C-alpha cells in the first residue's frame, strides 16, 4: 500500500482501518478499491476539514456535487480515449 502523501500519521490510520476489515474472502481488486476509499476519506477530511456525515448541504447540493464529479470523470475518459485511439 502506497503511503498517502508521505504523511505517516494518515498512513498509520489507513493501515489500522484496513487491518480492522476482514478481507479474507475478498479479491485483490475489491481490496484495492477499499484501500482507495479509506485513503480518499482520510485525505478529504484533512483537506476539507469535513466528511460525508456533514449536515449543512441540501439534497440538491449533493446532487450538484455528484454531477460535477461525474462530468469530470467523462472528461478524463474522453482524454484517455483520444490518447489511445
Foldseek 3Di string as FASTA:
>chain_A
DDDVVPDVVLVVVLVVVLVVDPCPPPDPVVSVVVSVVSSCQSVCCVVVVDGPVDDPDDPVVVVVVVVVVVVVVVVVVVVVVVVPD
